[in-house]
Amino acid sequence: MRRLRFFISKTFFFTLFKAGVVGIGLIFLLFLVLRFHTRQNRLIEVPDLHQMPLAQAQELLSDLRLNFEVIDSTQYNPEIPPLSVIEHQPRAHDEVKRGRKIYLTLNPSTYRKVSIPNVVQVTYRNAASSLRAVGLEVGNITYRNNIGKDMVLDLRFEGKSISPGAKIPKTSEIDLVLGNGKRGR
């Protein structure tokens, strides 16, 4: 009975009130310290780095006290200068904290190299499809006496014979030597 009386006494409610005030004060103090420690009130706007050369982007980011990491890109865009920023994450005008890492995707200096598929002794139609599938273009077509009509006999790149498996820049033109369907003498 005595314990029950304590839970309805003024002393109990006064102690409970003091504990609540102290608890709320500690929580408020914790939020203030966390706000200061995590620098919530000091945000930096990410600049627009699109098409900016790497050296210039590096200088700008270091002036803003932002870190960066370069991510390789295999998508060459001839309309953007080589080694310029194609895109970045976080995007332009996003707000970040000082020291945040900005991920830069750069335009390569040229198209990546692709391997020439083996299209020798294949019909022109299939050879053209295979070459386009890997990102190469069909250039000049010449004919030579051979019984296989429109059969690929040789591949040429920049005027020289080239073998399947060789690596050349993507979007390059491959000249084809085809059979004309006549017996050679």
N, C-alpha and C. Protein backbone atom coordinates (compact mmCIF):
# COMPACT_ATOMS: atom_id res chain seq x y z
N MET A 1 0.82 -1.19 0.00
CA MET A 1 0.00 0.00 0.00
C MET A 1 0.86 1.26 0.00
N ARG A 2 1.96 1.15 0.73
CA ARG A 2 2.86 2.28 0.84
C ARG A 2 3.47 2.62 -0.52
N ARG A 3 3.82 1.58 -1.28
CA ARG A 3 4.39 1.80 -2.61
C ARG A 3 3.37 2.41 -3.56
N LEU A 4 2.18 1.99 -3.47
CA LEU A 4 1.13 2.53 -4.32
C LEU A 4 0.91 4.01 -4.02
N ARG A 5 0.99 4.38 -2.77
CA ARG A 5 0.81 5.76 -2.38
C ARG A 5 1.93 6.65 -2.94
N PHE A 6 3.15 6.08 -3.06
CA PHE A 6 4.29 6.84 -3.59
C PHE A 6 4.05 7.23 -5.05
N PHE A 7 3.42 6.35 -5.84
CA PHE A 7 3.20 6.62 -7.26
C PHE A 7 2.15 7.69 -7.51
N ILE A 8 1.41 8.08 -6.50
CA ILE A 8 0.43 9.16 -6.67
C ILE A 8 0.80 10.38 -5.84
N SER A 9 2.03 10.41 -5.32
CA SER A 9 2.46 11.53 -4.49
C SER A 9 3.06 12.65 -5.33
N LYS A 10 3.16 13.86 -4.72
CA LYS A 10 3.75 15.02 -5.38
C LYS A 10 5.24 14.78 -5.65
N THR A 11 5.93 14.10 -4.80
CA THR A 11 7.35 13.83 -4.96
C THR A 11 7.59 13.01 -6.23
N PHE A 12 6.78 12.01 -6.46
CA PHE A 12 6.93 11.17 -7.65
C PHE A 12 6.72 12.00 -8.92
N PHE A 13 5.66 12.82 -8.97
CA PHE A 13 5.39 13.63 -10.16
C PHE A 13 6.44 14.69 -10.37
N PHE A 14 6.97 15.28 -9.29
CA PHE A 14 8.02 16.28 -9.40
C PHE A 14 9.30 15.63 -9.96
N THR A 15 9.65 14.45 -9.48
CA THR A 15 10.83 13.72 -9.97
C THR A 15 10.64 13.33 -11.43
N LEU A 16 9.44 12.88 -11.79
CA LEU A 16 9.14 12.52 -13.16
C LEU A 16 9.24 13.75 -14.07
N PHE A 17 8.78 14.90 -13.61
CA PHE A 17 8.87 16.14 -14.38
C PHE A 17 10.33 16.52 -14.61
N LYS A 18 11.17 16.47 -13.54
CA LYS A 18 12.59 16.81 -13.67
C LYS A 18 13.28 15.86 -14.66
N ALA A 19 12.97 14.57 -14.60
CA ALA A 19 13.58 13.60 -15.51
C ALA A 19 13.17 13.90 -16.96
N GLY A 20 11.92 14.29 -17.17
CA GLY A 20 11.46 14.64 -18.51
C GLY A 20 12.16 15.87 -19.05
N VAL A 21 12.32 16.91 -18.20
CA VAL A 21 13.00 18.13 -18.62
C VAL A 21 14.45 17.83 -18.98
N VAL A 22 15.12 17.05 -18.14
CA VAL A 22 16.52 16.69 -18.39
C VAL A 22 16.62 15.87 -19.68
N GLY A 23 15.71 14.92 -19.90
CA GLY A 23 15.71 14.09 -21.11
C GLY A 23 15.51 14.92 -22.37
N ILE A 24 14.53 15.83 -22.33
CA ILE A 24 14.28 16.69 -23.48
C ILE A 24 15.47 17.60 -23.73
N GLY A 25 16.08 18.12 -22.66
CA GLY A 25 17.27 18.96 -22.80
C GLY A 25 18.42 18.20 -23.43
N LEU A 26 18.63 16.95 -23.01
CA LEU A 26 19.70 16.14 -23.60
C LEU A 26 19.46 15.84 -25.07
N ILE A 27 18.21 15.55 -25.42
CA ILE A 27 17.88 15.29 -26.82
C ILE A 27 18.10 16.54 -27.66
N PHE A 28 17.69 17.70 -27.17
CA PHE A 28 17.90 18.97 -27.87
C PHE A 28 19.40 19.23 -28.04
N LEU A 29 20.18 19.02 -26.99
CA LEU A 29 21.62 19.21 -27.05
C LEU A 29 22.26 18.23 -28.05
N LEU A 30 21.77 17.00 -28.08
CA LEU A 30 22.28 16.02 -29.02
C LEU A 30 22.04 16.46 -30.46
N PHE A 31 20.85 16.98 -30.75
CA PHE A 31 20.55 17.45 -32.10
C PHE A 31 21.43 18.63 -32.48
N LEU A 32 21.71 19.54 -31.56
CA LEU A 32 22.59 20.67 -31.85
C LEU A 32 24.00 20.20 -32.16
N VAL A 33 24.51 19.28 -31.35
CA VAL A 33 25.86 18.77 -31.57
C VAL A 33 25.94 18.02 -32.90
N LEU A 34 24.93 17.20 -33.22
CA LEU A 34 24.93 16.47 -34.48
C LEU A 34 24.85 17.42 -35.68
N ARG A 35 24.05 18.48 -35.56
CA ARG A 35 23.95 19.45 -36.66
C ARG A 35 25.29 20.12 -36.91
N PHE A 36 26.01 20.45 -35.84
CA PHE A 36 27.32 21.07 -35.99
C PHE A 36 28.32 20.05 -36.53
N HIS A 37 28.31 18.85 -35.97
CA HIS A 37 29.28 17.83 -36.35
C HIS A 37 29.11 17.37 -37.80
N THR A 38 27.87 17.23 -38.28
CA THR A 38 27.63 16.76 -39.65
C THR A 38 27.57 17.91 -40.65
N ARG A 39 27.75 19.13 -40.21
CA ARG A 39 27.79 20.33 -41.08
C ARG A 39 26.54 20.44 -41.97
N GLN A 40 25.38 20.26 -41.37
CA GLN A 40 24.13 20.32 -42.12
C GLN A 40 23.86 21.70 -42.70
N ASN A 41 24.39 22.71 -42.07
CA ASN A 41 24.08 24.08 -42.52
C ASN A 41 25.12 24.62 -43.50
N ARG A 42 26.12 23.82 -43.88
CA ARG A 42 27.15 24.30 -44.79
C ARG A 42 27.17 23.43 -46.05
N LEU A 43 26.32 23.76 -47.00
CA LEU A 43 26.23 22.98 -48.23
C LEU A 43 26.85 23.76 -49.38
N ILE A 44 27.44 23.04 -50.31
CA ILE A 44 28.07 23.62 -51.49
C ILE A 44 27.28 23.16 -52.71
N GLU A 45 27.01 24.07 -53.62
CA GLU A 45 26.30 23.71 -54.86
C GLU A 45 27.32 23.15 -55.85
N VAL A 46 27.01 21.98 -56.41
CA VAL A 46 27.90 21.34 -57.39
C VAL A 46 27.84 22.15 -58.69
N PRO A 47 28.99 22.58 -59.20
CA PRO A 47 28.99 23.35 -60.45
C PRO A 47 28.68 22.46 -61.65
N ASP A 48 28.30 23.10 -62.75
CA ASP A 48 28.06 22.36 -63.99
C ASP A 48 29.40 22.11 -64.66
N LEU A 49 29.83 20.86 -64.69
CA LEU A 49 31.13 20.49 -65.24
C LEU A 49 31.03 19.91 -66.65
N HIS A 50 29.84 19.86 -67.21
CA HIS A 50 29.64 19.24 -68.52
C HIS A 50 30.50 19.91 -69.58
N GLN A 51 31.24 19.10 -70.35
CA GLN A 51 32.13 19.50 -71.43
C GLN A 51 33.34 20.31 -70.95
N MET A 52 33.60 20.32 -69.66
CA MET A 52 34.75 21.03 -69.11
C MET A 52 35.98 20.12 -69.16
N PRO A 53 37.13 20.64 -69.61
CA PRO A 53 38.35 19.81 -69.60
C PRO A 53 38.69 19.34 -68.19
N LEU A 54 39.31 18.18 -68.08
CA LEU A 54 39.61 17.58 -66.78
C LEU A 54 40.43 18.51 -65.90
N ALA A 55 41.45 19.16 -66.44
CA ALA A 55 42.31 20.04 -65.63
C ALA A 55 41.51 21.19 -65.03
N GLN A 56 40.63 21.77 -65.82
CA GLN A 56 39.81 22.88 -65.34
C GLN A 56 38.81 22.40 -64.28
N ALA A 57 38.21 21.24 -64.50
CA ALA A 57 37.26 20.68 -63.53
C ALA A 57 37.98 20.35 -62.22
N GLN A 58 39.18 19.82 -62.32
CA GLN A 58 39.97 19.49 -61.12
C GLN A 58 40.27 20.75 -60.31
N GLU A 59 40.64 21.81 -60.98
CA GLU A 59 40.94 23.07 -60.29
C GLU A 59 39.70 23.64 -59.62
N LEU A 60 38.58 23.64 -60.32
CA LEU A 60 37.33 24.17 -59.77
C LEU A 60 36.88 23.38 -58.55
N LEU A 61 36.94 22.06 -58.64
CA LEU A 61 36.51 21.22 -57.52
C LEU A 61 37.44 21.38 -56.31
N SER A 62 38.73 21.53 -56.54
CA SER A 62 39.63 21.72 -55.39
C SER A 62 39.41 23.09 -54.75
N ASP A 63 39.07 24.10 -55.54
CA ASP A 63 38.76 25.42 -54.97
C ASP A 63 37.51 25.35 -54.09
N LEU A 64 36.56 24.50 -54.45
CA LEU A 64 35.32 24.35 -53.68
C LEU A 64 35.47 23.32 -52.55
N ARG A 65 36.66 22.76 -52.41
CA ARG A 65 36.96 21.73 -51.40
C ARG A 65 36.10 20.48 -51.59
N LEU A 66 35.99 20.09 -52.85
CA LEU A 66 35.28 18.86 -53.19
C LEU A 66 36.29 17.87 -53.77
N ASN A 67 36.17 16.61 -53.42
CA ASN A 67 37.02 15.57 -53.97
C ASN A 67 36.40 15.05 -55.25
N PHE A 68 37.19 14.37 -56.06
CA PHE A 68 36.64 13.79 -57.28
C PHE A 68 37.33 12.48 -57.60
N GLU A 69 36.63 11.67 -58.39
CA GLU A 69 37.18 10.41 -58.87
C GLU A 69 36.78 10.27 -60.32
N VAL A 70 37.75 9.92 -61.15
CA VAL A 70 37.50 9.78 -62.58
C VAL A 70 37.05 8.36 -62.88
N ILE A 71 35.94 8.26 -63.61
CA ILE A 71 35.41 6.97 -64.05
C ILE A 71 35.64 6.89 -65.55
N ASP A 72 36.23 5.80 -66.00
CA ASP A 72 36.49 5.64 -67.44
C ASP A 72 35.19 5.51 -68.20
N SER A 73 35.23 5.97 -69.42
CA SER A 73 34.07 5.85 -70.29
C SER A 73 34.51 5.19 -71.59
N THR A 74 33.68 4.33 -72.12
CA THR A 74 33.98 3.71 -73.41
C THR A 74 33.13 4.32 -74.51
N GLN A 75 32.32 5.30 -74.17
CA GLN A 75 31.43 5.92 -75.14
C GLN A 75 32.06 7.21 -75.64
N TYR A 76 32.79 7.13 -76.72
CA TYR A 76 33.42 8.32 -77.30
C TYR A 76 32.37 9.16 -78.00
N ASN A 77 32.37 10.45 -77.72
CA ASN A 77 31.46 11.38 -78.36
C ASN A 77 32.30 12.40 -79.12
N PRO A 78 32.31 12.36 -80.46
CA PRO A 78 33.18 13.27 -81.23
C PRO A 78 32.77 14.74 -81.11
N GLU A 79 31.58 15.02 -80.60
CA GLU A 79 31.12 16.41 -80.47
C GLU A 79 31.66 17.08 -79.21
N ILE A 80 32.22 16.29 -78.29
CA ILE A 80 32.77 16.82 -77.04
C ILE A 80 34.29 16.67 -77.11
N PRO A 81 35.04 17.68 -76.68
CA PRO A 81 36.51 17.57 -76.73
C PRO A 81 37.01 16.36 -75.93
N PRO A 82 38.09 15.72 -76.41
CA PRO A 82 38.64 14.56 -75.69
C PRO A 82 39.05 14.93 -74.27
N LEU A 83 38.90 13.98 -73.36
CA LEU A 83 39.23 14.13 -71.94
C LEU A 83 38.47 15.26 -71.27
N SER A 84 37.24 15.49 -71.73
CA SER A 84 36.34 16.45 -71.09
C SER A 84 35.25 15.66 -70.36
N VAL A 85 34.60 16.33 -69.43
CA VAL A 85 33.57 15.68 -68.62
C VAL A 85 32.31 15.46 -69.46
N ILE A 86 31.88 14.20 -69.55
CA ILE A 86 30.62 13.88 -70.24
C ILE A 86 29.46 14.04 -69.27
N GLU A 87 29.64 13.50 -68.06
CA GLU A 87 28.61 13.62 -67.02
C GLU A 87 29.28 13.49 -65.66
N HIS A 88 28.57 13.89 -64.63
CA HIS A 88 29.10 13.76 -63.28
C HIS A 88 27.98 13.49 -62.31
N GLN A 89 28.36 12.82 -61.22
CA GLN A 89 27.41 12.46 -60.17
C GLN A 89 27.97 12.91 -58.84
N PRO A 90 27.31 13.66 -58.03
CA PRO A 90 25.98 14.26 -58.15
C PRO A 90 25.91 15.27 -59.31
N ARG A 91 24.73 15.48 -59.77
CA ARG A 91 24.49 16.36 -60.92
C ARG A 91 24.74 17.83 -60.57
N ALA A 92 24.78 18.66 -61.60
CA ALA A 92 24.98 20.10 -61.42
C ALA A 92 23.83 20.68 -60.59
N HIS A 93 24.16 21.62 -59.74
CA HIS A 93 23.24 22.36 -58.89
C HIS A 93 22.70 21.56 -57.71
N ASP A 94 23.15 20.31 -57.53
CA ASP A 94 22.82 19.57 -56.31
C ASP A 94 23.66 20.14 -55.18
N GLU A 95 23.14 20.09 -53.96
CA GLU A 95 23.88 20.61 -52.82
C GLU A 95 24.52 19.45 -52.07
N VAL A 96 25.82 19.59 -51.80
CA VAL A 96 26.59 18.55 -51.11
C VAL A 96 27.44 19.20 -50.02
N LYS A 97 27.96 18.37 -49.13
CA LYS A 97 28.83 18.86 -48.07
C LYS A 97 30.26 18.97 -48.57
N ARG A 98 31.04 19.79 -47.91
CA ARG A 98 32.44 19.94 -48.24
C ARG A 98 33.14 18.59 -48.08
N GLY A 99 34.04 18.27 -49.01
CA GLY A 99 34.76 17.01 -48.95
C GLY A 99 34.06 15.87 -49.67
N ARG A 100 32.88 16.12 -50.21
CA ARG A 100 32.12 15.08 -50.91
C ARG A 100 32.86 14.69 -52.18
N LYS A 101 32.79 13.42 -52.56
CA LYS A 101 33.44 12.93 -53.77
C LYS A 101 32.48 13.07 -54.95
N ILE A 102 32.96 13.72 -56.01
CA ILE A 102 32.20 13.90 -57.24
C ILE A 102 32.78 12.90 -58.25
N TYR A 103 31.92 12.07 -58.84
CA TYR A 103 32.36 11.06 -59.79
C TYR A 103 32.24 11.63 -61.21
N LEU A 104 33.38 11.73 -61.91
CA LEU A 104 33.43 12.31 -63.25
C LEU A 104 33.57 11.22 -64.30
N THR A 105 32.73 11.27 -65.33
CA THR A 105 32.85 10.38 -66.47
C THR A 105 33.42 11.20 -67.61
N LEU A 106 34.58 10.76 -68.13
CA LEU A 106 35.28 11.54 -69.16
C LEU A 106 35.06 10.96 -70.55
N ASN A 107 35.17 11.85 -71.53
CA ASN A 107 35.13 11.45 -72.93
C ASN A 107 36.52 10.91 -73.28
N PRO A 108 36.62 9.67 -73.79
CA PRO A 108 37.94 9.14 -74.15
C PRO A 108 38.59 9.97 -75.25
N SER A 109 39.88 9.77 -75.46
CA SER A 109 40.59 10.55 -76.47
C SER A 109 40.24 10.09 -77.89
N THR A 110 39.74 8.88 -78.04
CA THR A 110 39.32 8.38 -79.35
C THR A 110 38.35 7.21 -79.13
N TYR A 111 37.82 6.70 -80.21
CA TYR A 111 36.95 5.53 -80.10
C TYR A 111 37.75 4.36 -79.55
N ARG A 112 37.09 3.49 -78.82
CA ARG A 112 37.78 2.30 -78.32
C ARG A 112 38.04 1.37 -79.48
N LYS A 113 39.00 0.49 -79.30
CA LYS A 113 39.36 -0.44 -80.37
C LYS A 113 38.48 -1.69 -80.28
N VAL A 114 38.09 -2.17 -81.45
CA VAL A 114 37.28 -3.38 -81.52
C VAL A 114 38.02 -4.41 -82.37
N SER A 115 37.71 -5.65 -82.15
CA SER A 115 38.33 -6.75 -82.88
C SER A 115 37.53 -7.02 -84.15
N ILE A 116 38.24 -7.21 -85.26
CA ILE A 116 37.58 -7.49 -86.53
C ILE A 116 37.07 -8.93 -86.52
N PRO A 117 35.78 -9.12 -86.79
CA PRO A 117 35.26 -10.49 -86.82
C PRO A 117 35.77 -11.24 -88.05
N ASN A 118 35.78 -12.54 -87.97
CA ASN A 118 36.24 -13.36 -89.09
C ASN A 118 35.10 -13.47 -90.11
N VAL A 119 35.19 -12.66 -91.16
CA VAL A 119 34.16 -12.66 -92.19
C VAL A 119 34.71 -13.10 -93.54
N VAL A 120 35.94 -13.62 -93.57
CA VAL A 120 36.51 -14.14 -94.81
C VAL A 120 35.78 -15.43 -95.15
N GLN A 121 35.47 -15.61 -96.45
CA GLN A 121 34.71 -16.75 -96.96
C GLN A 121 33.25 -16.74 -96.46
N VAL A 122 32.74 -15.54 -96.23
CA VAL A 122 31.35 -15.33 -95.82
C VAL A 122 30.73 -14.42 -96.88
N THR A 123 29.44 -14.54 -97.10
CA THR A 123 28.79 -13.68 -98.09
C THR A 123 28.83 -12.22 -97.65
N TYR A 124 28.75 -11.33 -98.64
CA TYR A 124 28.80 -9.89 -98.36
C TYR A 124 27.73 -9.48 -97.36
N ARG A 125 26.54 -9.99 -97.56
CA ARG A 125 25.42 -9.61 -96.69
C ARG A 125 25.70 -9.96 -95.22
N ASN A 126 26.16 -11.18 -94.97
CA ASN A 126 26.49 -11.60 -93.60
C ASN A 126 27.70 -10.83 -93.05
N ALA A 127 28.69 -10.61 -93.91
CA ALA A 127 29.89 -9.89 -93.49
C ALA A 127 29.55 -8.45 -93.08
N ALA A 128 28.72 -7.80 -93.87
CA ALA A 128 28.33 -6.41 -93.56
C ALA A 128 27.59 -6.35 -92.22
N SER A 129 26.71 -7.31 -91.97
CA SER A 129 25.97 -7.36 -90.70
C SER A 129 26.92 -7.57 -89.53
N SER A 130 27.87 -8.48 -89.69
CA SER A 130 28.83 -8.76 -88.62
C SER A 130 29.71 -7.55 -88.33
N LEU A 131 30.15 -6.87 -89.36
CA LEU A 131 31.00 -5.69 -89.17
C LEU A 131 30.23 -4.56 -88.48
N ARG A 132 29.00 -4.34 -88.90
CA ARG A 132 28.18 -3.29 -88.27
C ARG A 132 27.86 -3.62 -86.82
N ALA A 133 27.71 -4.91 -86.53
CA ALA A 133 27.38 -5.33 -85.17
C ALA A 133 28.48 -4.97 -84.17
N VAL A 134 29.73 -4.96 -84.61
CA VAL A 134 30.82 -4.60 -83.69
C VAL A 134 31.19 -3.12 -83.79
N GLY A 135 30.48 -2.37 -84.65
CA GLY A 135 30.69 -0.92 -84.71
C GLY A 135 31.59 -0.48 -85.84
N LEU A 136 31.82 -1.33 -86.82
CA LEU A 136 32.65 -0.97 -87.97
C LEU A 136 31.75 -0.66 -89.17
N GLU A 137 32.27 0.08 -90.11
CA GLU A 137 31.52 0.44 -91.30
C GLU A 137 32.12 -0.26 -92.51
N VAL A 138 31.29 -0.55 -93.50
CA VAL A 138 31.77 -1.13 -94.76
C VAL A 138 32.19 0.02 -95.65
N GLY A 139 33.43 -0.05 -96.13
CA GLY A 139 33.97 1.00 -97.00
C GLY A 139 33.81 0.64 -98.46
N ASN A 140 34.89 0.78 -99.21
CA ASN A 140 34.88 0.49 -100.65
C ASN A 140 34.79 -1.02 -100.89
N ILE A 141 34.11 -1.35 -101.96
CA ILE A 141 33.98 -2.76 -102.34
C ILE A 141 34.64 -2.92 -103.71
N THR A 142 35.57 -3.86 -103.80
CA THR A 142 36.21 -4.19 -105.09
C THR A 142 35.97 -5.67 -105.37
N TYR A 143 36.06 -6.02 -106.65
CA TYR A 143 35.80 -7.40 -107.05
C TYR A 143 37.05 -8.00 -107.66
N ARG A 144 37.16 -9.30 -107.52
CA ARG A 144 38.29 -10.05 -108.07
C ARG A 144 37.73 -11.35 -108.62
N ASN A 145 38.38 -11.89 -109.62
CA ASN A 145 37.92 -13.15 -110.21
C ASN A 145 37.97 -14.25 -109.15
N ASN A 146 36.79 -14.81 -108.86
CA ASN A 146 36.66 -15.92 -107.94
C ASN A 146 35.29 -16.51 -108.15
N ILE A 147 35.18 -17.81 -108.05
CA ILE A 147 33.91 -18.49 -108.31
C ILE A 147 32.82 -18.13 -107.30
N GLY A 148 33.22 -17.76 -106.11
CA GLY A 148 32.23 -17.40 -105.07
C GLY A 148 31.73 -15.98 -105.27
N LYS A 149 30.53 -15.86 -105.83
CA LYS A 149 29.97 -14.53 -106.08
C LYS A 149 29.60 -13.84 -104.76
N ASP A 150 30.06 -12.61 -104.61
CA ASP A 150 29.84 -11.78 -103.41
C ASP A 150 30.37 -12.45 -102.14
N MET A 151 31.37 -13.30 -102.29
CA MET A 151 32.02 -13.94 -101.15
C MET A 151 33.22 -13.06 -100.75
N VAL A 152 33.38 -12.78 -99.45
CA VAL A 152 34.49 -11.94 -98.98
C VAL A 152 35.79 -12.73 -99.12
N LEU A 153 36.73 -12.16 -99.85
CA LEU A 153 38.03 -12.80 -100.06
C LEU A 153 39.12 -12.16 -99.23
N ASP A 154 38.99 -10.85 -98.98
CA ASP A 154 40.04 -10.14 -98.25
C ASP A 154 39.43 -8.92 -97.56
N LEU A 155 40.06 -8.52 -96.45
CA LEU A 155 39.67 -7.31 -95.72
C LEU A 155 40.81 -6.31 -95.81
N ARG A 156 40.48 -5.05 -96.02
CA ARG A 156 41.52 -4.02 -96.12
C ARG A 156 41.16 -2.85 -95.21
N PHE A 157 42.21 -2.35 -94.53
CA PHE A 157 42.05 -1.18 -93.67
C PHE A 157 43.17 -0.21 -94.01
N GLU A 158 42.80 0.99 -94.39
CA GLU A 158 43.74 2.03 -94.81
C GLU A 158 44.66 1.54 -95.92
N GLY A 159 44.08 0.81 -96.87
CA GLY A 159 44.82 0.36 -98.05
C GLY A 159 45.64 -0.90 -97.85
N LYS A 160 45.70 -1.45 -96.65
CA LYS A 160 46.50 -2.64 -96.39
C LYS A 160 45.60 -3.79 -96.00
N SER A 161 46.02 -4.99 -96.39
CA SER A 161 45.28 -6.20 -96.02
C SER A 161 45.38 -6.39 -94.51
N ILE A 162 44.28 -6.75 -93.90
CA ILE A 162 44.24 -6.92 -92.45
C ILE A 162 43.56 -8.24 -92.12
N SER A 163 44.03 -8.90 -91.09
CA SER A 163 43.48 -10.22 -90.77
C SER A 163 42.40 -10.11 -89.69
N PRO A 164 41.48 -11.07 -89.67
CA PRO A 164 40.45 -11.09 -88.62
C PRO A 164 41.10 -11.19 -87.24
N GLY A 165 40.51 -10.52 -86.26
CA GLY A 165 41.04 -10.52 -84.90
C GLY A 165 41.88 -9.30 -84.60
N ALA A 166 42.33 -8.59 -85.64
CA ALA A 166 43.12 -7.36 -85.41
C ALA A 166 42.22 -6.30 -84.78
N LYS A 167 42.80 -5.44 -84.01
CA LYS A 167 42.02 -4.40 -83.32
C LYS A 167 42.22 -3.07 -84.04
N ILE A 168 41.08 -2.43 -84.33
CA ILE A 168 41.09 -1.11 -84.96
C ILE A 168 40.04 -0.24 -84.26
N PRO A 169 40.14 1.09 -84.39
CA PRO A 169 39.16 1.97 -83.73
C PRO A 169 37.74 1.73 -84.23
N LYS A 170 36.81 1.78 -83.29
CA LYS A 170 35.40 1.62 -83.62
C LYS A 170 35.00 2.70 -84.61
N THR A 171 34.05 2.44 -85.46
CA THR A 171 33.52 3.28 -86.54
C THR A 171 34.47 3.41 -87.72
N SER A 172 35.58 2.67 -87.73
CA SER A 172 36.49 2.69 -88.87
C SER A 172 35.83 2.00 -90.06
N GLU A 173 36.31 2.33 -91.27
CA GLU A 173 35.80 1.70 -92.48
C GLU A 173 36.71 0.56 -92.88
N ILE A 174 36.09 -0.57 -93.20
CA ILE A 174 36.80 -1.75 -93.68
C ILE A 174 36.43 -1.91 -95.16
N ASP A 175 37.44 -1.93 -96.03
CA ASP A 175 37.20 -2.18 -97.45
C ASP A 175 37.15 -3.69 -97.67
N LEU A 176 36.23 -4.12 -98.51
CA LEU A 176 36.06 -5.54 -98.77
C LEU A 176 36.45 -5.88 -100.21
N VAL A 177 37.11 -7.01 -100.37
CA VAL A 177 37.40 -7.56 -101.69
C VAL A 177 36.49 -8.78 -101.83
N LEU A 178 35.61 -8.73 -102.85
CA LEU A 178 34.61 -9.78 -103.03
C LEU A 178 34.88 -10.55 -104.32
N GLY A 179 34.37 -11.76 -104.38
CA GLY A 179 34.44 -12.56 -105.59
C GLY A 179 33.37 -12.11 -106.56
N ASN A 180 33.69 -12.15 -107.89
CA ASN A 180 32.73 -11.68 -108.88
C ASN A 180 31.94 -12.81 -109.53
N GLY A 181 32.20 -14.07 -109.13
CA GLY A 181 31.44 -15.21 -109.67
C GLY A 181 32.03 -15.80 -110.93
N LYS A 182 33.18 -15.30 -111.39
CA LYS A 182 33.82 -15.81 -112.61
C LYS A 182 35.07 -16.59 -112.22
N ARG A 183 35.38 -17.58 -113.05
CA ARG A 183 36.59 -18.37 -112.81
C ARG A 183 37.81 -17.50 -113.13
N GLY A 184 38.80 -17.61 -112.25
CA GLY A 184 40.05 -16.86 -112.47
C GLY A 184 40.93 -17.59 -113.45
N ARG A 185 41.79 -16.87 -114.17
CA ARG A 185 42.70 -17.47 -115.15
C ARG A 185 44.07 -17.49 -114.63
